[in-house]
Structures are given as structure tokens and as C-alpha cells.
Amino acid sequence: MTDPLLHEPAVTEEAEAATKAAVFNAAERLFALHGFQNVSVRDITAEAGVNLASVNYHFGSKDALLFEIFRRRAAELNRERARLLHEATKSGTPSLRGVLEALFAPPLRWTHPANERRISIQFLIRARSEGTAEMREALQHDVSHLERFASALMAACPHMPRETVYWRLHFCLGMVHNNRFAEFDRLHHLSGGLTQESDVDGLLQQMLDFAEAGFRA
């Protein structure tokens, strides 16, 4: 007969993993919707339906939880970009449009109302303006993923000065970071309803056309 006590550690580990995931997901959602300063540890644990001590137990602190969400989602986003960049560059001379699509498409597709990562991109958008000191440090200095894009753009535009490539990559990133939901609302009013944020493919083509023209100039 199997001793039921032998199964207790596995059950505990599973329950702890579920609690940690519930805290992570609740925090991501609340921070994305309400802002980093407007959400308390009590708000997070109430949303997750767990003990008040769960945040400190599993993550150490509220700021550490924030950084873990940021770190994980940024890594997921950049893995998607890296995969697309590999496809655009594997045949030799990179396709300029392919490189730009690898940069634009993943975050843009995350904004789609039907995408389960919509909350994640809202969180990352907030991180740029409301993030902790650790997040700001990472955003400022962790540029390895952007170095790969800069190199690919230089290969796709061999006659363009390196300085110009860096500046135009910077402008492209500005397009990505300006796709906040409030900006979409303003554009919708400005255009009289002609523009729709849910038309992700259409928006992607507009961004690609604009950016490609900038690198061709």
C-alpha cells in the first residue's frame, strides 16, 4: 500500500506553484490597468485570492514582483523578435522590410484585443514611464537585443552611415513605444474613425511603409 505521506511534498510544491502564478497574473493585470503606484500588496493578494504574505514569500517584495513580471515579459517579447529576425537574415543579405517587421510585429500583435498578451504589453508600456529603478536601469543599459537589429539594419543598408542607422532605429522604436492605448484613442478622434487599433495588420503595414521609406531616403 502506498504511503500517502510520500505524496505531500509534491502536492505542496504544486500548490505553491499555483499560488505564485496566481500572484504573478493578478499583479500583472492590476499594474497594467491601474498603474504601479496605485496597486498595493493587499490589492494583489485579494485579486489572486491568496494569503497577504504570498507576495513577500514568493517574490521578496512588491518591487521584486514588478521586476520579475517585467523581466519575464520582456524576455518573451524579445524571443519572438529574435525568431523573426533570424528568419529575415538567415539567407544572407537581410531584407530591410523583414528586419523592420521583426522589430514591429511582436509588440504590435500583442496589442490586439483578442491576444492574451494584451495585458502584458500594457504592463510593458507602463514600465517605460512608471517602472522601478531596476526596470529603468534595465531599459537604459540592456540593449543586446537592439544591437542585433542595428547590425541587421546596417547589413540591409550598407551605404548608410552607422550613425544614421542608429538614429533611424531610435525613431522606429519611438513608433513602437507611441502605440499606447490613449494615443490610439486620440488618433481615432483625429481621423474621424478612419483608424482602428484592432486592425493590427493594417497598422503594421503602415508602420513598415513609413519606416522603410525612412531607411531608403
Protein backbone atom coordinates (compact mmCIF):
# COMPACT_ATOMS: atom_id res chain seq x y z
CA MET A 1 0.00 0.00 0.00
CA THR A 2 1.35 3.41 -0.94
CA ASP A 3 2.10 5.73 1.95
CA PRO A 4 0.02 8.91 1.37
CA LEU A 5 2.64 10.97 3.21
CA LEU A 6 5.04 10.36 0.34
CA HIS A 7 2.82 12.48 -1.88
CA GLU A 8 2.56 15.51 0.40
CA PRO A 9 5.70 17.37 -0.83
CA ALA A 10 4.56 17.08 -4.47
CA VAL A 11 1.11 18.40 -3.58
CA THR A 12 2.69 21.27 -1.63
CA GLU A 13 5.02 22.17 -4.49
CA GLU A 14 2.10 22.15 -6.92
CA ALA A 15 0.01 24.34 -4.62
CA GLU A 16 2.89 26.77 -4.13
CA ALA A 17 3.47 26.98 -7.87
CA ALA A 18 -0.24 27.70 -8.39
CA THR A 19 -0.18 30.42 -5.73
CA LYS A 20 2.92 32.02 -7.23
CA ALA A 21 1.32 32.02 -10.71
CA ALA A 22 -1.91 33.49 -9.31
CA VAL A 23 0.02 36.33 -7.65
CA PHE A 24 2.05 36.97 -10.81
CA ASN A 25 -1.01 37.10 -13.07
CA ALA A 26 -3.08 39.21 -10.68
CA ALA A 27 -0.24 41.69 -10.22
CA GLU A 28 0.39 41.98 -13.95
CA ARG A 29 -3.26 42.70 -14.63
CA LEU A 30 -3.71 45.21 -11.81
CA PHE A 31 -0.47 47.06 -12.54
CA ALA A 32 -1.28 47.21 -16.27
CA LEU A 33 -4.79 48.56 -15.71
CA HIS A 34 -4.26 50.88 -12.73
CA GLY A 35 -0.59 51.84 -12.62
CA PHE A 36 2.29 50.76 -10.44
CA GLN A 37 1.75 53.25 -7.62
CA ASN A 38 -2.00 52.68 -7.38
CA VAL A 39 -1.84 48.97 -6.58
CA SER A 40 -0.99 47.65 -3.13
CA VAL A 41 0.18 44.24 -1.98
CA ARG A 42 -3.24 43.80 -0.40
CA ASP A 43 -4.91 44.55 -3.76
CA ILE A 44 -2.78 41.89 -5.44
CA THR A 45 -3.41 39.14 -2.91
CA ALA A 46 -7.14 39.93 -2.80
CA GLU A 47 -7.31 39.69 -6.60
CA ALA A 48 -5.35 36.44 -6.56
CA GLY A 49 -7.37 35.03 -3.66
CA VAL A 50 -4.28 34.16 -1.63
CA ASN A 51 -2.72 34.96 1.74
CA LEU A 52 -1.43 38.51 2.29
CA ALA A 53 2.09 37.20 2.89
CA SER A 54 2.24 35.48 -0.51
CA VAL A 55 3.91 38.38 -2.35
CA ASN A 56 6.85 38.56 0.05
CA TYR A 57 7.07 34.77 0.38
CA HIS A 58 7.25 34.09 -3.36
CA PHE A 59 8.89 37.26 -4.70
CA GLY A 60 10.50 39.08 -1.77
CA SER A 61 8.75 42.43 -2.20
CA LYS A 62 6.32 44.35 -4.40
CA ASP A 63 9.21 45.89 -6.38
CA ALA A 64 10.79 42.47 -6.87
CA LEU A 65 7.46 41.15 -8.16
CA LEU A 66 7.22 44.09 -10.55
CA PHE A 67 10.70 43.41 -11.88
CA GLU A 68 10.00 39.69 -12.29
CA ILE A 69 6.93 40.46 -14.43
CA PHE A 70 8.94 42.97 -16.46
CA ARG A 71 11.89 40.61 -16.90
CA ARG A 72 9.76 37.66 -17.97
CA ARG A 73 7.52 39.53 -20.41
CA ALA A 74 10.38 41.49 -21.96
CA ALA A 75 12.26 38.22 -22.49
CA GLU A 76 9.22 36.62 -24.14
CA LEU A 77 8.77 39.60 -26.43
CA ASN A 78 12.41 39.68 -27.42
CA ARG A 79 12.44 35.93 -28.12
CA GLU A 80 9.63 36.48 -30.63
CA ARG A 81 11.58 39.32 -32.20
CA ALA A 82 14.77 37.24 -32.34
CA ARG A 83 12.96 34.39 -34.09
CA LEU A 84 11.57 36.73 -36.76
CA LEU A 85 14.93 38.48 -37.14
CA HIS A 86 16.60 35.11 -37.72
CA GLU A 87 14.09 34.38 -40.49
CA ALA A 88 14.78 37.77 -42.09
CA THR A 89 18.57 37.35 -42.04
CA LYS A 90 19.23 33.62 -42.50
CA SER A 91 19.52 33.74 -46.29
CA GLY A 92 22.40 36.22 -46.40
CA THR A 93 21.69 39.87 -47.11
CA PRO A 94 18.85 40.84 -44.79
CA SER A 95 15.54 42.08 -46.12
CA LEU A 96 15.07 45.62 -44.80
CA ARG A 97 11.32 45.16 -44.54
CA GLY A 98 11.80 41.77 -42.88
CA VAL A 99 14.11 43.25 -40.25
CA LEU A 100 11.66 46.06 -39.54
CA GLU A 101 8.78 43.60 -39.33
CA ALA A 102 10.72 41.55 -36.78
CA LEU A 103 11.03 44.71 -34.68
CA PHE A 104 7.43 45.92 -35.04
CA ALA A 105 5.23 42.84 -35.34
CA PRO A 106 5.55 41.12 -31.94
CA PRO A 107 4.64 44.09 -29.71
CA LEU A 108 2.00 45.23 -32.17
CA ARG A 109 0.32 41.83 -32.30
CA TRP A 110 0.29 41.70 -28.51
CA THR A 111 -1.96 44.80 -28.56
CA HIS A 112 -4.74 43.01 -30.43
CA PRO A 113 -7.91 42.82 -28.29
CA ALA A 114 -8.08 39.04 -28.80
CA ASN A 115 -4.45 38.41 -27.84
CA GLU A 116 -3.90 37.02 -24.34
CA ARG A 117 -0.71 39.11 -24.18
CA ARG A 118 -2.63 42.40 -24.41
CA ILE A 119 -2.31 42.91 -20.64
CA SER A 120 1.40 42.08 -20.86
CA ILE A 121 2.07 44.79 -23.44
CA GLN A 122 0.09 47.28 -21.34
CA PHE A 123 2.33 46.36 -18.42
CA LEU A 124 5.49 46.87 -20.50
CA ILE A 125 4.21 50.21 -21.77
CA ARG A 126 3.68 51.38 -18.19
CA ALA A 127 7.14 50.12 -17.25
CA ARG A 128 8.71 52.72 -19.52
CA SER A 129 7.13 55.61 -17.63
CA GLU A 130 6.33 54.21 -14.18
CA GLY A 131 8.90 51.49 -13.67
CA THR A 132 11.12 50.93 -10.67
CA ALA A 133 14.77 51.98 -10.58
CA GLU A 134 15.74 48.42 -11.51
CA MET A 135 13.46 48.48 -14.55
CA ARG A 136 14.83 51.86 -15.65
CA GLU A 137 18.34 50.51 -15.31
CA ALA A 138 17.50 47.52 -17.50
CA LEU A 139 15.75 49.65 -20.12
CA GLN A 140 18.71 52.01 -20.32
CA HIS A 141 21.56 49.50 -20.38
CA ASP A 142 20.24 46.14 -21.58
CA VAL A 143 20.47 46.75 -25.33
CA SER A 144 21.81 43.42 -26.58
CA HIS A 145 18.58 42.66 -28.47
CA LEU A 146 18.74 46.09 -30.14
CA GLU A 147 22.37 45.58 -31.13
CA ARG A 148 21.26 42.64 -33.25
CA PHE A 149 18.71 44.83 -35.01
CA ALA A 150 21.25 47.60 -35.57
CA SER A 151 23.66 45.11 -37.14
CA ALA A 152 20.94 43.69 -39.38
CA LEU A 153 19.87 47.17 -40.49
CA MET A 154 23.47 48.08 -41.31
CA ALA A 155 23.73 44.93 -43.43
CA ALA A 156 20.45 45.76 -45.18
CA CYS A 157 21.54 49.38 -45.79
CA PRO A 158 25.30 49.04 -46.40
CA HIS A 159 25.72 52.55 -47.83
CA MET A 160 24.06 54.30 -44.88
CA PRO A 161 26.39 55.77 -42.23
CA ARG A 162 26.32 53.87 -38.94
CA GLU A 163 25.28 56.96 -37.03
CA THR A 164 22.27 57.39 -39.33
CA VAL A 165 21.24 53.75 -38.83
CA TYR A 166 21.28 54.19 -35.06
CA TRP A 167 19.21 57.36 -35.25
CA ARG A 168 16.62 55.82 -37.54
CA LEU A 169 16.39 52.71 -35.39
CA HIS A 170 15.76 55.08 -32.48
CA PHE A 171 12.94 56.75 -34.44
CA CYS A 172 11.46 53.32 -35.24
CA LEU A 173 11.46 52.45 -31.54
CA GLY A 174 9.63 55.72 -30.96
CA MET A 175 6.85 54.46 -33.22
CA VAL A 176 6.62 51.25 -31.22
CA HIS A 177 6.56 53.00 -27.86
CA ASN A 178 4.00 55.57 -29.00
CA ASN A 179 1.41 52.88 -29.71
CA ARG A 180 -0.21 53.38 -26.32
CA PHE A 181 -3.93 52.90 -25.96
CA ALA A 182 -4.53 56.58 -25.14
CA GLU A 183 -2.68 57.52 -28.33
CA PHE A 184 -4.87 55.17 -30.34
CA ASP A 185 -7.96 56.85 -28.88
CA ARG A 186 -6.66 60.29 -29.81
CA LEU A 187 -5.82 59.18 -33.34
CA HIS A 188 -9.28 57.65 -33.67
CA HIS A 189 -10.87 61.01 -32.84
CA LEU A 190 -8.43 62.89 -35.08
CA SER A 191 -9.18 60.66 -38.07
CA GLY A 192 -12.92 60.72 -37.57
CA GLY A 193 -12.97 56.95 -37.11
CA LEU A 194 -10.83 56.06 -40.14
CA THR A 195 -8.16 54.43 -37.97
CA GLN A 196 -8.83 51.36 -35.88
CA GLU A 197 -6.34 49.89 -33.40
CA SER A 198 -7.90 46.45 -33.87
CA ASP A 199 -6.67 46.43 -37.48
CA VAL A 200 -3.24 45.20 -36.41
CA ASP A 201 -2.20 44.01 -39.85
CA GLY A 202 -3.17 47.32 -41.41
CA LEU A 203 -1.31 49.25 -38.73
CA LEU A 204 1.75 47.04 -39.18
CA GLN A 205 1.82 47.75 -42.92
CA GLN A 206 1.51 51.50 -42.28
CA MET A 207 4.44 51.38 -39.86
CA LEU A 208 6.54 49.27 -42.23
CA ASP A 209 5.87 51.59 -45.16
CA PHE A 210 6.83 54.63 -43.10
CA ALA A 211 9.97 53.09 -41.58
CA GLU A 212 11.16 51.53 -44.82
CA ALA A 213 10.86 54.88 -46.58
CA GLY A 214 12.97 56.42 -43.82
CA PHE A 215 15.76 53.90 -44.37
CA ARG A 216 15.54 54.27 -48.15
CA ALA A 217 15.83 58.08 -48.06
